């Protein structure tokens, strides 16, 4: 699968999500030929470890105030986050919808609402 010329942020994430869908081992993804298929095949322990590693690397890049490294590490973190979504059959559009729902809501109010018992 190749990416099309629309490099808008949503489109890039959606195209990558589509690519990850095709990499699932039960859909023909080959863990011997694809890093994504390998992560999906190995399951949560593999890709959640990568999330932790990439988040730590992002923190270190930010502490070093290194914009180029921050960009690279953020890209790695976003990629591995998309692997998580794909594994659990969650589309990025669902995350976009949640962000849209929160838009215009005070972050402090939203956080407080999450702590209230149902």
PDB file of N, CA and C in Angstrom:
ATOM      1  N   UNK A   1       0.851  -1.174   0.000  1.00  0.00           N
ATOM      2  CA  UNK A   1       0.000   0.000   0.000  1.00  0.00           C
ATOM      3  C   UNK A   1       0.888   1.225   0.000  1.00  0.00           C
ATOM      4  N   UNK A   2       0.602   2.160  -0.878  1.00  0.00           N
ATOM      5  CA  UNK A   2       1.351   3.410  -0.875  1.00  0.00           C
ATOM      6  C   UNK A   2       0.427   4.532  -0.427  1.00  0.00           C
ATOM      7  N   UNK A   3       1.039   5.539   0.146  1.00  0.00           N
ATOM      8  CA  UNK A   3       0.272   6.684   0.614  1.00  0.00           C
ATOM      9  C   UNK A   3      -0.030   7.598  -0.554  1.00  0.00           C
ATOM     10  N   UNK A   4      -1.223   8.223  -0.522  1.00  0.00           N
ATOM     11  CA  UNK A   4      -1.556   9.141  -1.609  1.00  0.00           C
ATOM     12  C   UNK A   4      -0.980  10.513  -1.315  1.00  0.00           C
ATOM     13  N   UNK A   5      -1.197  11.450  -2.221  1.00  0.00           N
ATOM     14  CA  UNK A   5      -0.565  12.765  -2.149  1.00  0.00           C
ATOM     15  C   UNK A   5      -1.158  13.677  -1.083  1.00  0.00           C
ATOM     16  N   UNK A   6      -2.288  13.318  -0.511  1.00  0.00           N
ATOM     17  CA  UNK A   6      -2.902  14.155   0.524  1.00  0.00           C
ATOM     18  C   UNK A   6      -2.166  13.924   1.835  1.00  0.00           C
ATOM     19  N   UNK A   7      -1.316  14.870   2.207  1.00  0.00           N
ATOM     20  CA  UNK A   7      -0.508  14.724   3.411  1.00  0.00           C
ATOM     21  C   UNK A   7      -1.105  15.444   4.612  1.00  0.00           C
ATOM     22  N   UNK A   8      -2.414  15.654   4.607  1.00  0.00           N
ATOM     23  CA  UNK A   8      -3.039  16.270   5.763  1.00  0.00           C
ATOM     24  C   UNK A   8      -2.882  15.320   6.951  1.00  0.00           C
ATOM     25  N   UNK A   9      -2.784  15.877   8.161  1.00  0.00           N
ATOM     26  CA  UNK A   9      -2.543  15.010   9.327  1.00  0.00           C
ATOM     27  C   UNK A   9      -3.552  13.877   9.466  1.00  0.00           C
ATOM     28  N   UNK A  10      -4.838  14.178   9.337  1.00  0.00           N
ATOM     29  CA  UNK A  10      -5.832  13.112   9.470  1.00  0.00           C
ATOM     30  C   UNK A  10      -5.629  12.056   8.406  1.00  0.00           C
ATOM     31  N   UNK A  11      -5.367  12.478   7.177  1.00  0.00           N
ATOM     32  CA  UNK A  11      -5.236  11.519   6.090  1.00  0.00           C
ATOM     33  C   UNK A  11      -4.027  10.609   6.299  1.00  0.00           C
ATOM     34  N   UNK A  12      -2.912  11.159   6.731  1.00  0.00           N
ATOM     35  CA  UNK A  12      -1.728  10.332   6.972  1.00  0.00           C
ATOM     36  C   UNK A  12      -2.036   9.279   8.035  1.00  0.00           C
ATOM     37  N   UNK A  13      -2.660   9.698   9.127  1.00  0.00           N
ATOM     38  CA  UNK A  13      -2.995   8.750  10.193  1.00  0.00           C
ATOM     39  C   UNK A  13      -3.976   7.686   9.711  1.00  0.00           C
ATOM     40  N   UNK A  14      -4.962   8.090   8.916  1.00  0.00           N
ATOM     41  CA  UNK A  14      -5.944   7.123   8.407  1.00  0.00           C
ATOM     42  C   UNK A  14      -5.313   6.151   7.422  1.00  0.00           C
ATOM     43  N   UNK A  15      -4.432   6.662   6.573  1.00  0.00           N
ATOM     44  CA  UNK A  15      -3.744   5.775   5.628  1.00  0.00           C
ATOM     45  C   UNK A  15      -2.860   4.778   6.368  1.00  0.00           C
ATOM     46  N   UNK A  16      -2.179   5.250   7.394  1.00  0.00           N
ATOM     47  CA  UNK A  16      -1.343   4.353   8.177  1.00  0.00           C
ATOM     48  C   UNK A  16      -2.202   3.323   8.907  1.00  0.00           C
ATOM     49  N   UNK A  17      -3.344   3.746   9.420  1.00  0.00           N
ATOM     50  CA  UNK A  17      -4.268   2.808  10.074  1.00  0.00           C
ATOM     51  C   UNK A  17      -4.731   1.740   9.085  1.00  0.00           C
ATOM     52  N   UNK A  18      -5.045   2.155   7.861  1.00  0.00           N
ATOM     53  CA  UNK A  18      -5.452   1.192   6.833  1.00  0.00           C
ATOM     54  C   UNK A  18      -4.318   0.203   6.537  1.00  0.00           C
ATOM     55  N   UNK A  19      -3.108   0.720   6.439  1.00  0.00           N
ATOM     56  CA  UNK A  19      -1.956  -0.134   6.187  1.00  0.00           C
ATOM     57  C   UNK A  19      -1.791  -1.149   7.321  1.00  0.00           C
ATOM     58  N   UNK A  20      -1.917  -0.685   8.558  1.00  0.00           N
ATOM     59  CA  UNK A  20      -1.795  -1.589   9.701  1.00  0.00           C
ATOM     60  C   UNK A  20      -2.867  -2.673   9.675  1.00  0.00           C
ATOM     61  N   UNK A  21      -4.074  -2.315   9.237  1.00  0.00           N
ATOM     62  CA  UNK A  21      -5.139  -3.326   9.122  1.00  0.00           C
ATOM     63  C   UNK A  21      -4.707  -4.454   8.197  1.00  0.00           C
ATOM     64  N   UNK A  22      -3.998  -4.105   7.136  1.00  0.00           N
ATOM     65  CA  UNK A  22      -3.560  -5.117   6.177  1.00  0.00           C
ATOM     66  C   UNK A  22      -2.389  -5.945   6.692  1.00  0.00           C
ATOM     67  N   UNK A  23      -1.777  -5.528   7.770  1.00  0.00           N
ATOM     68  CA  UNK A  23      -0.609  -6.219   8.315  1.00  0.00           C
ATOM     69  C   UNK A  23      -0.957  -7.249   9.396  1.00  0.00           C
ATOM     70  N   UNK A  24      -2.226  -7.320   9.780  1.00  0.00           N
ATOM     71  CA  UNK A  24      -2.605  -8.315  10.778  1.00  0.00           C
ATOM     72  C   UNK A  24      -2.275  -9.706  10.242  1.00  0.00           C
ATOM     73  N   UNK A  25      -1.616 -10.528  11.043  1.00  0.00           N
ATOM     74  CA  UNK A  25      -1.261 -11.867  10.568  1.00  0.00           C
ATOM     75  C   UNK A  25      -2.454 -12.690  10.084  1.00  0.00           C
ATOM     76  N   UNK A  26      -3.631 -12.503  10.690  1.00  0.00           N
ATOM     77  CA  UNK A  26      -4.805 -13.255  10.235  1.00  0.00           C
ATOM     78  C   UNK A  26      -5.399 -12.695   8.949  1.00  0.00           C
ATOM     79  N   UNK A  27      -4.818 -11.606   8.447  1.00  0.00           N
ATOM     80  CA  UNK A  27      -5.258 -11.014   7.175  1.00  0.00           C
ATOM     81  C   UNK A  27      -4.133 -11.030   6.147  1.00  0.00           C
ATOM     82  N   UNK A  28      -3.160 -11.874   6.385  1.00  0.00           N
ATOM     83  CA  UNK A  28      -2.084 -12.025   5.411  1.00  0.00           C
ATOM     84  C   UNK A  28      -0.795 -11.312   5.756  1.00  0.00           C
ATOM     85  N   UNK A  29      -0.763 -10.569   6.851  1.00  0.00           N
ATOM     86  CA  UNK A  29       0.479  -9.910   7.247  1.00  0.00           C
ATOM     87  C   UNK A  29       1.521 -10.943   7.648  1.00  0.00           C
ATOM     88  N   UNK A  30       2.726 -10.796   7.142  1.00  0.00           N
ATOM     89  CA  UNK A  30       3.789 -11.769   7.376  1.00  0.00           C
ATOM     90  C   UNK A  30       4.776 -11.227   8.407  1.00  0.00           C
ATOM     91  N   UNK A  31       4.789 -11.803   9.618  1.00  0.00           N
ATOM     92  CA  UNK A  31       5.708 -11.336  10.658  1.00  0.00           C
ATOM     93  C   UNK A  31       7.186 -11.446  10.290  1.00  0.00           C
ATOM     94  N   UNK A  32       7.499 -12.263   9.296  1.00  0.00           N
ATOM     95  CA  UNK A  32       8.893 -12.392   8.852  1.00  0.00           C
ATOM     96  C   UNK A  32       9.302 -11.259   7.912  1.00  0.00           C
ATOM     97  N   UNK A  33       8.316 -10.596   7.316  1.00  0.00           N
ATOM     98  CA  UNK A  33       8.608  -9.560   6.314  1.00  0.00           C
ATOM     99  C   UNK A  33       8.157  -8.173   6.724  1.00  0.00           C
ATOM    100  N   UNK A  34       7.380  -8.061   7.796  1.00  0.00           N
ATOM    101  CA  UNK A  34       6.804  -6.773   8.172  1.00  0.00           C
ATOM    102  C   UNK A  34       6.959  -6.545   9.675  1.00  0.00           C
ATOM    103  N   UNK A  35       7.567  -5.417  10.027  1.00  0.00           N
ATOM    104  CA  UNK A  35       7.708  -5.042  11.432  1.00  0.00           C
ATOM    105  C   UNK A  35       6.335  -4.906  12.085  1.00  0.00           C
ATOM    106  N   UNK A  36       5.398  -4.277  11.380  1.00  0.00           N
ATOM    107  CA  UNK A  36       4.048  -4.101  11.918  1.00  0.00           C
ATOM    108  C   UNK A  36       3.383  -5.445  12.167  1.00  0.00           C
ATOM    109  N   UNK A  37       3.474  -6.341  11.200  1.00  0.00           N
ATOM    110  CA  UNK A  37       2.891  -7.677  11.365  1.00  0.00           C
ATOM    111  C   UNK A  37       3.544  -8.403  12.536  1.00  0.00           C
ATOM    112  N   UNK A  38       4.842  -8.222  12.699  1.00  0.00           N
ATOM    113  CA  UNK A  38       5.544  -8.861  13.808  1.00  0.00           C
ATOM    114  C   UNK A  38       5.014  -8.347  15.147  1.00  0.00           C
ATOM    115  N   UNK A  39       4.857  -7.018  15.277  1.00  0.00           N
ATOM    116  CA  UNK A  39       4.313  -6.454  16.517  1.00  0.00           C
ATOM    117  C   UNK A  39       2.904  -6.979  16.786  1.00  0.00           C
ATOM    118  N   UNK A  40       2.065  -6.972  15.758  1.00  0.00           N
ATOM    119  CA  UNK A  40       0.688  -7.436  15.918  1.00  0.00           C
ATOM    120  C   UNK A  40       0.648  -8.926  16.266  1.00  0.00           C
ATOM    121  N   UNK A  41       1.536  -9.695  15.657  1.00  0.00           N
ATOM    122  CA  UNK A  41       1.607 -11.131  15.927  1.00  0.00           C
ATOM    123  C   UNK A  41       2.058 -11.406  17.363  1.00  0.00           C
ATOM    124  N   UNK A  42       3.021 -10.647  17.828  1.00  0.00           N
ATOM    125  CA  UNK A  42       3.551 -10.856  19.187  1.00  0.00           C
ATOM    126  C   UNK A  42       2.580 -10.403  20.268  1.00  0.00           C
ATOM    127  N   UNK A  43       1.695  -9.471  19.918  1.00  0.00           N
ATOM    128  CA  UNK A  43       0.654  -9.066  20.854  1.00  0.00           C
ATOM    129  C   UNK A  43       1.038  -7.929  21.780  1.00  0.00           C
ATOM    130  N   UNK A  44       0.168  -7.672  22.750  1.00  0.00           N
ATOM    131  CA  UNK A  44       0.312  -6.489  23.609  1.00  0.00           C
ATOM    132  C   UNK A  44       1.660  -6.350  24.300  1.00  0.00           C
ATOM    133  N   UNK A  45       2.245  -7.428  24.780  1.00  0.00           N
ATOM    134  CA  UNK A  45       3.527  -7.281  25.476  1.00  0.00           C
ATOM    135  C   UNK A  45       4.566  -6.620  24.589  1.00  0.00           C
ATOM    136  N   UNK A  46       4.575  -6.961  23.310  1.00  0.00           N
ATOM    137  CA  UNK A  46       5.566  -6.402  22.387  1.00  0.00           C
ATOM    138  C   UNK A  46       5.298  -4.936  22.095  1.00  0.00           C
ATOM    139  N   UNK A  47       4.064  -4.611  21.698  1.00  0.00           N
ATOM    140  CA  UNK A  47       3.836  -3.220  21.293  1.00  0.00           C
ATOM    141  C   UNK A  47       3.662  -2.286  22.479  1.00  0.00           C
ATOM    142  N   UNK A  48       3.212  -2.774  23.610  1.00  0.00           N
ATOM    143  CA  UNK A  48       3.114  -1.899  24.784  1.00  0.00           C
ATOM    144  C   UNK A  48       4.504  -1.571  25.326  1.00  0.00           C
ATOM    145  N   UNK A  49       5.426  -2.508  25.221  1.00  0.00           N
ATOM    146  CA  UNK A  49       6.817  -2.228  25.590  1.00  0.00           C
ATOM    147  C   UNK A  49       7.363  -1.116  24.696  1.00  0.00           C
ATOM    148  N   UNK A  50       7.046  -1.194  23.400  1.00  0.00           N
ATOM    149  CA  UNK A  50       7.509  -0.150  22.468  1.00  0.00           C
ATOM    150  C   UNK A  50       6.893   1.207  22.800  1.00  0.00           C
ATOM    151  N   UNK A  51       5.650   1.230  23.234  1.00  0.00           N
ATOM    152  CA  UNK A  51       5.012   2.490  23.635  1.00  0.00           C
ATOM    153  C   UNK A  51       5.817   3.114  24.773  1.00  0.00           C
ATOM    154  N   UNK A  52       6.154   2.311  25.776  1.00  0.00           N
ATOM    155  CA  UNK A  52       6.937   2.812  26.902  1.00  0.00           C
ATOM    156  C   UNK A  52       8.298   3.332  26.469  1.00  0.00           C
ATOM    157  N   UNK A  53       8.968   2.586  25.599  1.00  0.00           N
ATOM    158  CA  UNK A  53      10.281   3.010  25.105  1.00  0.00           C
ATOM    159  C   UNK A  53      10.185   4.321  24.345  1.00  0.00           C
ATOM    160  N   UNK A  54       9.215   4.400  23.437  1.00  0.00           N
ATOM    161  CA  UNK A  54       9.093   5.609  22.610  1.00  0.00           C
ATOM    162  C   UNK A  54       8.678   6.817  23.445  1.00  0.00           C
ATOM    163  N   UNK A  55       7.808   6.604  24.425  1.00  0.00           N
ATOM    164  CA  UNK A  55       7.404   7.718  25.296  1.00  0.00           C
ATOM    165  C   UNK A  55       8.606   8.228  26.088  1.00  0.00           C
ATOM    166  N   UNK A  56       9.415   7.321  26.581  1.00  0.00           N
ATOM    167  CA  UNK A  56      10.617   7.721  27.320  1.00  0.00           C
ATOM    168  C   UNK A  56      11.583   8.471  26.420  1.00  0.00           C
ATOM    169  N   UNK A  57      11.782   7.972  25.210  1.00  0.00           N
ATOM    170  CA  UNK A  57      12.674   8.648  24.265  1.00  0.00           C
ATOM    171  C   UNK A  57      12.153  10.036  23.910  1.00  0.00           C
ATOM    172  N   UNK A  58      10.843  10.190  23.804  1.00  0.00           N
ATOM    173  CA  UNK A  58      10.249  11.503  23.545  1.00  0.00           C
ATOM    174  C   UNK A  58      10.517  12.453  24.713  1.00  0.00           C
ATOM    175  N   UNK A  59      10.337  11.962  25.923  1.00  0.00           N
ATOM    176  CA  UNK A  59      10.598  12.783  27.110  1.00  0.00           C
ATOM    177  C   UNK A  59      12.053  13.244  27.124  1.00  0.00           C
ATOM    178  N   UNK A  60      12.966  12.336  26.841  1.00  0.00           N
ATOM    179  CA  UNK A  60      14.385  12.697  26.845  1.00  0.00           C
ATOM    180  C   UNK A  60      14.715  13.708  25.752  1.00  0.00           C
ATOM    181  N   UNK A  61      14.134  13.537  24.574  1.00  0.00           N
ATOM    182  CA  UNK A  61      14.356  14.495  23.488  1.00  0.00           C
ATOM    183  C   UNK A  61      13.819  15.875  23.863  1.00  0.00           C
ATOM    184  N   UNK A  62      12.661  15.888  24.520  1.00  0.00           N
ATOM    185  CA  UNK A  62      12.084  17.168  24.934  1.00  0.00           C
ATOM    186  C   UNK A  62      12.946  17.818  26.019  1.00  0.00           C
ATOM    187  N   UNK A  63      13.429  17.024  26.955  1.00  0.00           N
ATOM    188  CA  UNK A  63      14.296  17.571  28.001  1.00  0.00           C
ATOM    189  C   UNK A  63      15.576  18.142  27.401  1.00  0.00           C
ATOM    190  N   UNK A  64      16.044  17.541  26.285  1.00  0.00           N
ATOM    191  CA  UNK A  64      17.233  18.035  25.597  1.00  0.00           C
ATOM    192  C   UNK A  64      16.915  19.210  24.672  1.00  0.00           C
ATOM    193  N   UNK A  65      15.633  19.547  24.575  1.00  0.00           N
ATOM    194  CA  UNK A  65      15.199  20.653  23.705  1.00  0.00           C
ATOM    195  C   UNK A  65      15.713  20.456  22.276  1.00  0.00           C
ATOM    196  N   UNK A  66      15.515  19.252  21.761  1.00  0.00           N
ATOM    197  CA  UNK A  66      16.004  18.888  20.433  1.00  0.00           C
ATOM    198  C   UNK A  66      14.817  18.678  19.496  1.00  0.00           C
ATOM    199  N   UNK A  67      14.394  19.731  18.785  1.00  0.00           N
ATOM    200  CA  UNK A  67      13.194  19.629  17.939  1.00  0.00           C
ATOM    201  C   UNK A  67      13.224  18.482  16.936  1.00  0.00           C
ATOM    202  N   UNK A  68      14.362  18.239  16.295  1.00  0.00           N
ATOM    203  CA  UNK A  68      14.434  17.158  15.305  1.00  0.00           C
ATOM    204  C   UNK A  68      14.185  15.805  15.976  1.00  0.00           C
ATOM    205  N   UNK A  69      14.789  15.588  17.140  1.00  0.00           N
ATOM    206  CA  UNK A  69      14.574  14.345  17.876  1.00  0.00           C
ATOM    207  C   UNK A  69      13.150  14.258  18.393  1.00  0.00           C
ATOM    208  N   UNK A  70      12.589  15.368  18.846  1.00  0.00           N
ATOM    209  CA  UNK A  70      11.203  15.372  19.324  1.00  0.00           C
ATOM    210  C   UNK A  70      10.272  14.913  18.211  1.00  0.00           C
ATOM    211  N   UNK A  71      10.461  15.450  17.017  1.00  0.00           N
ATOM    212  CA  UNK A  71       9.622  15.077  15.882  1.00  0.00           C
ATOM    213  C   UNK A  71       9.754  13.586  15.581  1.00  0.00           C
ATOM    214  N   UNK A  72      10.978  13.097  15.533  1.00  0.00           N
ATOM    215  CA  UNK A  72      11.197  11.683  15.242  1.00  0.00           C
ATOM    216  C   UNK A  72      10.603  10.767  16.298  1.00  0.00           C
ATOM    217  N   UNK A  73      10.803  11.122  17.559  1.00  0.00           N
ATOM    218  CA  UNK A  73      10.273  10.279  18.635  1.00  0.00           C
ATOM    219  C   UNK A  73       8.751  10.348  18.705  1.00  0.00           C
ATOM    220  N   UNK A  74       8.186  11.528  18.421  1.00  0.00           N
ATOM    221  CA  UNK A  74       6.725  11.643  18.397  1.00  0.00           C
ATOM    222  C   UNK A  74       6.153  10.792  17.263  1.00  0.00           C
ATOM    223  N   UNK A  75       6.811  10.798  16.121  1.00  0.00           N
ATOM    224  CA  UNK A  75       6.356   9.958  15.007  1.00  0.00           C
ATOM    225  C   UNK A  75       6.390   8.484  15.414  1.00  0.00           C
ATOM    226  N   UNK A  76       7.458   8.074  16.097  1.00  0.00           N
ATOM    227  CA  UNK A  76       7.545   6.690  16.569  1.00  0.00           C
ATOM    228  C   UNK A  76       6.422   6.375  17.552  1.00  0.00           C
ATOM    229  N   UNK A  77       6.160   7.290  18.478  1.00  0.00           N
ATOM    230  CA  UNK A  77       5.111   7.080  19.472  1.00  0.00           C
ATOM    231  C   UNK A  77       3.739   7.007  18.807  1.00  0.00           C
ATOM    232  N   UNK A  78       3.481   7.911  17.861  1.00  0.00           N
ATOM    233  CA  UNK A  78       2.189   7.878  17.160  1.00  0.00           C
ATOM    234  C   UNK A  78       2.034   6.576  16.379  1.00  0.00           C
ATOM    235  N   UNK A  79       3.107   6.146  15.706  1.00  0.00           N
ATOM    236  CA  UNK A  79       3.034   4.898  14.952  1.00  0.00           C
ATOM    237  C   UNK A  79       2.665   3.737  15.881  1.00  0.00           C
ATOM    238  N   UNK A  80       3.384   3.607  16.980  1.00  0.00           N
ATOM    239  CA  UNK A  80       3.117   2.493  17.890  1.00  0.00           C
ATOM    240  C   UNK A  80       1.752   2.628  18.556  1.00  0.00           C
ATOM    241  N   UNK A  81       1.276   3.846  18.734  1.00  0.00           N
ATOM    242  CA  UNK A  81      -0.080   4.051  19.248  1.00  0.00           C
ATOM    243  C   UNK A  81      -1.109   3.568  18.238  1.00  0.00           C
ATOM    244  N   UNK A  82      -0.832   3.779  16.962  1.00  0.00           N
ATOM    245  CA  UNK A  82      -1.736   3.272  15.922  1.00  0.00           C
ATOM    246  C   UNK A  82      -1.730   1.741  15.888  1.00  0.00           C
ATOM    247  N   UNK A  83      -0.593   1.136  16.194  1.00  0.00           N
ATOM    248  CA  UNK A  83      -0.540  -0.332  16.294  1.00  0.00           C
ATOM    249  C   UNK A  83      -1.486  -0.792  17.404  1.00  0.00           C
ATOM    250  N   UNK A  84      -1.456  -0.096  18.543  1.00  0.00           N
ATOM    251  CA  UNK A  84      -2.358  -0.436  19.651  1.00  0.00           C
ATOM    252  C   UNK A  84      -3.810  -0.354  19.194  1.00  0.00           C
ATOM    253  N   UNK A  85      -4.164   0.760  18.551  1.00  0.00           N
ATOM    254  CA  UNK A  85      -5.541   0.927  18.080  1.00  0.00           C
ATOM    255  C   UNK A  85      -5.920  -0.204  17.128  1.00  0.00           C
ATOM    256  N   UNK A  86      -5.033  -0.512  16.203  1.00  0.00           N
ATOM    257  CA  UNK A  86      -5.321  -1.552  15.222  1.00  0.00           C
ATOM    258  C   UNK A  86      -5.522  -2.907  15.906  1.00  0.00           C
ATOM    259  N   UNK A  87      -4.667  -3.233  16.833  1.00  0.00           N
ATOM    260  CA  UNK A  87      -4.771  -4.517  17.534  1.00  0.00           C
ATOM    261  C   UNK A  87      -6.130  -4.657  18.222  1.00  0.00           C
ATOM    262  N   UNK A  88      -6.591  -3.569  18.822  1.00  0.00           N
ATOM    263  CA  UNK A  88      -7.865  -3.605  19.551  1.00  0.00           C
ATOM    264  C   UNK A  88      -9.057  -3.199  18.687  1.00  0.00           C
ATOM    265  N   UNK A  89      -8.828  -3.142  17.366  1.00  0.00           N
ATOM    266  CA  UNK A  89      -9.874  -2.844  16.382  1.00  0.00           C
ATOM    267  C   UNK A  89     -10.569  -1.517  16.679  1.00  0.00           C
ATOM    268  N   UNK A  90      -9.767  -0.517  16.972  1.00  0.00           N
ATOM    269  CA  UNK A  90     -10.255   0.853  17.191  1.00  0.00           C
ATOM    270  C   UNK A  90      -9.680   1.711  16.079  1.00  0.00           C
ATOM    271  N   UNK A  91     -10.521   2.478  15.445  1.00  0.00           N
ATOM    272  CA  UNK A  91     -10.091   3.339  14.349  1.00  0.00           C
ATOM    273  C   UNK A  91      -9.679   4.714  14.890  1.00  0.00           C
ATOM    274  N   UNK A  92      -8.723   5.361  14.225  1.00  0.00           N
ATOM    275  CA  UNK A  92      -8.334   6.715  14.634  1.00  0.00           C
ATOM    276  C   UNK A  92      -9.513   7.688  14.653  1.00  0.00           C
ATOM    277  N   UNK A  93     -10.498   7.453  13.778  1.00  0.00           N
ATOM    278  CA  UNK A  93     -11.672   8.331  13.749  1.00  0.00           C
ATOM    279  C   UNK A  93     -12.379   8.351  15.105  1.00  0.00           C
ATOM    280  N   UNK A  94     -12.325   7.250  15.830  1.00  0.00           N
ATOM    281  CA  UNK A  94     -12.946   7.205  17.160  1.00  0.00           C
ATOM    282  C   UNK A  94     -12.197   8.105  18.136  1.00  0.00           C
ATOM    283  N   UNK A  95     -10.885   8.156  18.010  1.00  0.00           N
ATOM    284  CA  UNK A  95     -10.082   9.055  18.850  1.00  0.00           C
ATOM    285  C   UNK A  95     -10.337  10.502  18.434  1.00  0.00           C
ATOM    286  N   UNK A  96     -10.419  10.745  17.121  1.00  0.00           N
ATOM    287  CA  UNK A  96     -10.728  12.100  16.642  1.00  0.00           C
ATOM    288  C   UNK A  96     -12.066  12.571  17.213  1.00  0.00           C
ATOM    289  N   UNK A  97     -13.055  11.668  17.221  1.00  0.00           N
ATOM    290  CA  UNK A  97     -14.375  12.021  17.742  1.00  0.00           C
ATOM    291  C   UNK A  97     -14.299  12.360  19.231  1.00  0.00           C
ATOM    292  N   UNK A  98     -13.507  11.618  19.971  1.00  0.00           N
ATOM    293  CA  UNK A  98     -13.349  11.904  21.403  1.00  0.00           C
ATOM    294  C   UNK A  98     -12.668  13.253  21.616  1.00  0.00           C
ATOM    295  N   UNK A  99     -11.651  13.548  20.809  1.00  0.00           N
ATOM    296  CA  UNK A  99     -11.001  14.860  20.905  1.00  0.00           C
ATOM    297  C   UNK A  99     -11.976  15.974  20.550  1.00  0.00           C
ATOM    298  N   UNK A 100     -12.791  15.745  19.537  1.00  0.00           N
ATOM    299  CA  UNK A 100     -13.795  16.743  19.144  1.00  0.00           C
ATOM    300  C   UNK A 100     -14.814  16.940  20.257  1.00  0.00           C
ATOM    301  N   UNK A 101     -15.214  15.853  20.912  1.00  0.00           N
ATOM    302  CA  UNK A 101     -16.165  15.950  22.016  1.00  0.00           C
ATOM    303  C   UNK A 101     -15.601  16.811  23.138  1.00  0.00           C
ATOM    304  N   UNK A 102     -14.310  16.695  23.368  1.00  0.00           N
ATOM    305  CA  UNK A 102     -13.665  17.442  24.448  1.00  0.00           C
ATOM    306  C   UNK A 102     -13.361  18.888  24.084  1.00  0.00           C
ATOM    307  N   UNK A 103     -13.391  19.194  22.795  1.00  0.00           N
ATOM    308  CA  UNK A 103     -13.053  20.540  22.356  1.00  0.00           C
ATOM    309  C   UNK A 103     -13.999  21.552  22.975  1.00  0.00           C
ATOM    310  N   UNK A 104     -13.438  22.602  23.507  1.00  0.00           N
ATOM    311  CA  UNK A 104     -14.239  23.649  24.127  1.00  0.00           C
ATOM    312  C   UNK A 104     -14.597  23.362  25.571  1.00  0.00           C
ATOM    313  N   UNK A 105     -14.171  22.189  26.063  1.00  0.00           N
ATOM    314  CA  UNK A 105     -14.409  21.837  27.461  1.00  0.00           C
ATOM    315  C   UNK A 105     -13.105  22.076  28.203  1.00  0.00           C
ATOM    316  N   UNK A 106     -13.193  22.754  29.329  1.00  0.00           N
ATOM    317  CA  UNK A 106     -12.001  22.983  30.141  1.00  0.00           C
ATOM    318  C   UNK A 106     -11.341  21.653  30.458  1.00  0.00           C
ATOM    319  N   UNK A 107     -10.034  21.576  30.252  1.00  0.00           N
ATOM    320  CA  UNK A 107      -9.305  20.364  30.586  1.00  0.00           C
ATOM    321  C   UNK A 107      -9.441  20.009  32.054  1.00  0.00           C
ATOM    322  N   UNK A 108      -9.482  21.010  32.903  1.00  0.00           N
ATOM    323  CA  UNK A 108      -9.644  20.751  34.330  1.00  0.00           C
ATOM    324  C   UNK A 108     -11.034  20.193  34.627  1.00  0.00           C
ATOM    325  N   UNK A 109     -12.058  20.744  33.964  1.00  0.00           N
ATOM    326  CA  UNK A 109     -13.427  20.262  34.170  1.00  0.00           C
ATOM    327  C   UNK A 109     -13.581  18.846  33.617  1.00  0.00           C
ATOM    328  N   UNK A 110     -12.991  18.586  32.461  1.00  0.00           N
ATOM    329  CA  UNK A 110     -13.092  17.263  31.844  1.00  0.00           C
ATOM    330  C   UNK A 110     -12.421  16.223  32.733  1.00  0.00           C
ATOM    331  N   UNK A 111     -11.251  16.566  33.264  1.00  0.00           N
ATOM    332  CA  UNK A 111     -10.527  15.632  34.143  1.00  0.00           C
ATOM    333  C   UNK A 111     -11.326  15.376  35.420  1.00  0.00           C
ATOM    334  N   UNK A 112     -11.899  16.416  35.998  1.00  0.00           N
ATOM    335  CA  UNK A 112     -12.707  16.260  37.211  1.00  0.00           C
ATOM    336  C   UNK A 112     -13.913  15.379  36.958  1.00  0.00           C
ATOM    337  N   UNK A 113     -14.524  15.510  35.786  1.00  0.00           N
ATOM    338  CA  UNK A 113     -15.715  14.711  35.456  1.00  0.00           C
ATOM    339  C   UNK A 113     -15.363  13.226  35.365  1.00  0.00           C
ATOM    340  N   UNK A 114     -14.155  12.900  34.920  1.00  0.00           N
ATOM    341  CA  UNK A 114     -13.744  11.505  34.815  1.00  0.00           C
ATOM    342  C   UNK A 114     -13.582  10.858  36.189  1.00  0.00           C
ATOM    343  N   UNK A 115     -13.312  11.665  37.208  1.00  0.00           N
ATOM    344  CA  UNK A 115     -13.084  11.132  38.555  1.00  0.00           C
ATOM    345  C   UNK A 115     -14.373  10.882  39.307  1.00  0.00           C
ATOM    346  N   UNK A 116     -15.485  11.459  38.834  1.00  0.00           N
ATOM    347  CA  UNK A 116     -16.763  11.277  39.516  1.00  0.00           C
ATOM    348  C   UNK A 116     -17.304   9.884  39.269  1.00  0.00           C
ATOM    349  N   UNK A 117     -17.806   9.226  40.328  1.00  0.00           N
ATOM    350  CA  UNK A 117     -18.376   7.886  40.134  1.00  0.00           C
ATOM    351  C   UNK A 117     -19.645   7.962  39.282  1.00  0.00           C
ATOM    352  N   UNK A 118     -19.871   6.917  38.513  1.00  0.00           N
ATOM    353  CA  UNK A 118     -21.043   6.874  37.623  1.00  0.00           C
ATOM    354  C   UNK A 118     -22.309   6.659  38.387  1.00  0.00           C
TER     355      UNK A 118
END
